[in-house]
Amino acid sequence: MAESKAPDSTRRSEKSRRAIYAAALSLVGENGYAKTTIEGIAARAGVGKQTIYRWWPSKAAVLLEAFLDLGEQAAEAAEAAGGDGAYEIPDTGDLAADLKLVLRATVDELNDPTFEAPTRALAAEGIVDAKIGAEYAEKLLEPQAALYVRRLRAAQETGAVRDDIDPRTAMELLTGPIVHRWLLRTLPLTHAYADSLVDYALNGLAPRPPRH
């Protein structure tokens, strides 16, 4: 008689976790964050709500982990397509071009429904829930900020950026307006807008002396 194998609880847990991630992201996209509930996530994922509460304290915590996993899946897909899986702002020697490239990618992501709904939900929840806000900043925002800081420091080393510039503040000049326009939804978020931010940040607003 063939020996029966015990169920693999690790595999079962991973399958349930993946189903919960997918359910949370899809429900927020379909119904909005306010109408998404733990009960709804559990029903969509085919698990008991106690399973969710055993792993996460709130729907915000579920969504944050699901969103971080979404980013990891995107990185793995990029690696499978020939990338190295570790994203960095390119350093081609042309700072303006490199910054425009990454800001355009940011615009595309914020305009993508897959990312837009959970990003808005987490940004809003992070304002009222200090713990979620801190975790969102630590695990997502700060690593992204570090990419800009490293690229701008490299530009300082080559003389493309002044030595007395604080790279973190410079990063905020580039990314802050994009987030502001995206949150307000009053004007379109476009590649042309991203390009203009880079031009304004690098060239300044003061009049230039006339050329002789």
Protein backbone atom coordinates (compact mmCIF):
# COMPACT_ATOMS: atom_id res chain seq x y z
CA MET A 1 0.00 0.00 0.00
CA ALA A 2 1.34 3.41 -0.94
CA GLU A 3 2.29 5.59 1.97
CA SER A 4 -0.03 8.60 2.31
CA LYS A 5 1.65 11.96 2.68
CA ALA A 6 0.62 14.48 5.30
CA PRO A 7 -0.69 17.79 3.90
CA ASP A 8 2.05 20.38 3.42
CA SER A 9 0.95 23.16 5.78
CA THR A 10 3.67 25.49 4.48
CA ARG A 11 2.46 25.20 0.91
CA ARG A 12 -1.16 25.56 2.02
CA SER A 13 -0.34 28.70 4.02
CA GLU A 14 1.54 30.25 1.09
CA LYS A 15 -1.37 29.50 -1.24
CA SER A 16 -3.78 31.14 1.19
CA ARG A 17 -1.50 34.13 1.65
CA ARG A 18 -1.28 34.65 -2.11
CA ALA A 19 -5.05 34.38 -2.42
CA ILE A 20 -5.48 37.00 0.31
CA TYR A 21 -3.02 39.36 -1.41
CA ALA A 22 -4.91 39.04 -4.68
CA ALA A 23 -8.28 39.49 -3.00
CA ALA A 24 -7.21 42.62 -1.11
CA LEU A 25 -5.75 44.28 -4.21
CA SER A 26 -8.69 43.41 -6.45
CA LEU A 27 -11.35 44.52 -3.95
CA VAL A 28 -9.65 47.85 -3.32
CA GLY A 29 -9.44 48.37 -7.07
CA GLU A 30 -13.08 47.44 -7.62
CA ASN A 31 -14.81 48.95 -4.60
CA GLY A 32 -12.37 51.39 -3.03
CA TYR A 33 -10.60 51.10 0.29
CA ALA A 34 -13.51 52.30 2.45
CA LYS A 35 -15.83 49.55 1.17
CA THR A 36 -13.21 46.81 1.40
CA THR A 37 -13.55 44.68 4.53
CA ILE A 38 -11.73 41.79 6.14
CA GLU A 39 -14.87 39.71 5.61
CA GLY A 40 -14.90 40.59 1.92
CA ILE A 41 -11.22 39.76 1.52
CA ALA A 42 -11.72 36.43 3.27
CA ALA A 43 -14.71 35.54 1.09
CA ARG A 44 -12.88 36.48 -2.13
CA ALA A 45 -9.78 34.53 -1.06
CA GLY A 46 -11.75 31.49 0.08
CA VAL A 47 -10.40 31.54 3.63
CA GLY A 48 -11.88 32.18 7.05
CA LYS A 49 -11.57 35.70 8.39
CA GLN A 50 -9.80 34.32 11.45
CA THR A 51 -7.01 33.22 9.12
CA ILE A 52 -6.52 36.84 8.12
CA TYR A 53 -6.65 38.11 11.70
CA ARG A 54 -4.08 35.48 12.68
CA TRP A 55 -1.60 37.02 10.21
CA TRP A 56 -2.57 40.71 10.13
CA PRO A 57 -4.13 43.14 12.64
CA SER A 58 -6.13 45.16 10.09
CA LYS A 59 -7.12 45.46 6.45
CA ALA A 60 -4.54 48.22 6.06
CA ALA A 61 -1.81 45.82 7.13
CA VAL A 62 -3.09 43.24 4.63
CA LEU A 63 -3.10 45.80 1.83
CA LEU A 64 0.37 47.10 2.66
CA GLU A 65 1.90 43.63 2.57
CA ALA A 66 0.01 42.79 -0.62
CA PHE A 67 1.23 46.00 -2.25
CA LEU A 68 4.84 45.36 -1.25
CA ASP A 69 4.53 41.86 -2.66
CA LEU A 70 3.16 43.33 -5.90
CA GLY A 71 6.36 45.35 -6.22
CA GLU A 72 8.48 42.27 -5.54
CA GLN A 73 6.60 40.32 -8.20
CA ALA A 74 7.21 43.14 -10.69
CA ALA A 75 10.94 43.06 -9.87
CA GLU A 76 11.04 39.29 -10.35
CA ALA A 77 9.25 39.62 -13.68
CA ALA A 78 11.80 42.23 -14.76
CA GLU A 79 14.63 39.92 -13.73
CA ALA A 80 13.09 37.05 -15.71
CA ALA A 81 12.92 39.36 -18.71
CA GLY A 82 16.64 39.98 -18.53
CA GLY A 83 17.08 42.56 -15.77
CA ASP A 84 19.05 42.06 -12.59
CA GLY A 85 16.01 42.40 -10.31
CA ALA A 86 17.60 45.23 -8.33
CA TYR A 87 16.31 48.57 -9.52
CA GLU A 88 18.59 51.58 -9.61
CA ILE A 89 18.25 54.91 -11.39
CA PRO A 90 20.53 54.58 -14.43
CA ASP A 91 23.75 56.54 -14.59
CA THR A 92 24.39 57.26 -18.24
CA GLY A 93 26.34 60.42 -17.53
CA ASP A 94 23.32 62.52 -18.51
CA LEU A 95 21.60 63.39 -15.22
CA ALA A 96 18.61 65.11 -16.81
CA ALA A 97 17.89 62.15 -19.08
CA ASP A 98 18.26 59.67 -16.23
CA LEU A 99 15.90 61.59 -13.96
CA LYS A 100 13.34 62.06 -16.73
CA LEU A 101 13.40 58.34 -17.38
CA VAL A 102 12.63 57.39 -13.78
CA LEU A 103 10.05 60.14 -13.27
CA ARG A 104 8.24 59.05 -16.43
CA ALA A 105 8.15 55.52 -15.02
CA THR A 106 6.71 56.92 -11.79
CA VAL A 107 4.00 58.72 -13.75
CA ASP A 108 3.15 55.49 -15.58
CA GLU A 109 2.89 53.56 -12.32
CA LEU A 110 0.69 56.16 -10.63
CA ASN A 111 -1.59 56.17 -13.67
CA ASP A 112 -1.78 52.35 -13.75
CA PRO A 113 -5.02 51.15 -12.07
CA THR A 114 -3.18 48.14 -10.67
CA PHE A 115 -0.99 50.42 -8.56
CA GLU A 116 -3.11 53.55 -8.26
CA ALA A 117 -5.92 52.26 -6.02
CA PRO A 118 -3.72 50.60 -3.36
CA THR A 119 -1.26 53.51 -3.42
CA ARG A 120 -4.05 56.02 -2.77
CA ALA A 121 -5.50 53.82 -0.03
CA LEU A 122 -2.19 53.40 1.76
CA ALA A 123 -1.31 57.08 1.43
CA ALA A 124 -4.66 58.04 2.99
CA GLU A 125 -4.56 55.39 5.70
CA GLY A 126 -0.99 56.33 6.60
CA ILE A 127 -2.19 59.81 7.56
CA VAL A 128 -4.65 58.55 10.19
CA ASP A 129 -2.79 55.39 11.25
CA ALA A 130 0.69 56.35 12.43
CA LYS A 131 1.89 52.73 12.53
CA ILE A 132 0.82 52.02 8.95
CA GLY A 133 2.24 55.37 7.86
CA ALA A 134 5.61 54.61 9.44
CA GLU A 135 5.73 51.13 7.94
CA TYR A 136 4.69 52.44 4.52
CA ALA A 137 7.47 55.03 4.66
CA GLU A 138 10.09 52.56 5.93
CA LYS A 139 9.39 49.75 3.48
CA LEU A 140 8.38 51.66 0.37
CA LEU A 141 9.03 55.40 0.40
CA GLU A 142 12.48 55.44 1.98
CA PRO A 143 13.97 52.78 -0.32
CA GLN A 144 12.66 54.76 -3.29
CA ALA A 145 14.10 57.99 -1.90
CA ALA A 146 17.46 56.28 -1.46
CA LEU A 147 17.61 55.58 -5.21
CA TYR A 148 17.43 59.31 -5.96
CA VAL A 149 19.91 60.17 -3.22
CA ARG A 150 22.48 57.73 -4.60
CA ARG A 151 22.08 59.02 -8.15
CA LEU A 152 22.33 62.65 -7.07
CA ARG A 153 25.41 61.95 -4.95
CA ALA A 154 27.02 60.31 -7.97
CA ALA A 155 26.20 63.47 -9.93
CA GLN A 156 27.91 65.54 -7.24
CA GLU A 157 31.03 63.46 -7.64
CA THR A 158 31.15 64.24 -11.35
CA GLY A 159 30.37 67.92 -10.88
CA ALA A 160 26.89 67.74 -12.42
CA VAL A 161 25.34 68.87 -9.11
CA ARG A 162 26.76 71.40 -6.65
CA ASP A 163 28.54 70.00 -3.61
CA ASP A 164 26.44 72.06 -1.19
CA ILE A 165 23.13 70.59 -2.42
CA ASP A 166 21.36 68.20 -0.05
CA PRO A 167 20.39 65.20 -2.25
CA ARG A 168 17.37 64.36 -0.10
CA THR A 169 15.91 67.86 -0.48
CA ALA A 170 16.67 67.78 -4.20
CA MET A 171 14.82 64.46 -4.46
CA GLU A 172 11.76 66.05 -2.86
CA LEU A 173 11.84 68.86 -5.42
CA LEU A 174 11.54 66.22 -8.13
CA THR A 175 9.03 63.79 -6.66
CA GLY A 176 6.93 66.02 -4.40
CA PRO A 177 5.11 67.88 -7.20
CA ILE A 178 4.23 64.60 -8.94
CA VAL A 179 2.63 63.21 -5.79
CA HIS A 180 0.85 66.52 -5.17
CA ARG A 181 -0.67 66.63 -8.66
CA TRP A 182 -1.59 62.95 -8.48
CA LEU A 183 -3.33 63.34 -5.13
CA LEU A 184 -5.35 66.38 -6.21
CA ARG A 185 -6.34 64.97 -9.61
CA THR A 186 -6.93 68.50 -10.91
CA LEU A 187 -4.43 68.35 -13.77
CA PRO A 188 -3.19 65.45 -15.90
CA LEU A 189 -0.09 63.58 -14.81
CA THR A 190 1.99 63.23 -17.96
CA HIS A 191 5.50 62.55 -19.19
CA ALA A 192 5.75 66.16 -20.33
CA TYR A 193 5.02 67.32 -16.79
CA ALA A 194 7.69 64.97 -15.40
CA ASP A 195 10.21 66.33 -17.90
CA SER A 196 9.40 69.91 -16.95
CA LEU A 197 10.04 69.15 -13.27
CA VAL A 198 13.52 67.91 -14.07
CA ASP A 199 14.23 70.99 -16.19
CA TYR A 200 12.98 73.35 -13.49
CA ALA A 201 14.87 71.56 -10.71
CA LEU A 202 18.18 71.39 -12.58
CA ASN A 203 18.06 74.78 -14.27
CA GLY A 204 16.29 76.85 -11.62
CA LEU A 205 13.63 79.52 -11.95
CA ALA A 206 15.74 82.67 -11.85
CA PRO A 207 16.38 84.49 -15.15
CA ARG A 208 19.57 83.48 -16.87
CA PRO A 209 22.12 86.10 -17.84
CA PRO A 210 22.01 86.98 -21.53
CA ARG A 211 24.47 85.22 -23.77
CA HIS A 212 27.08 87.39 -25.53
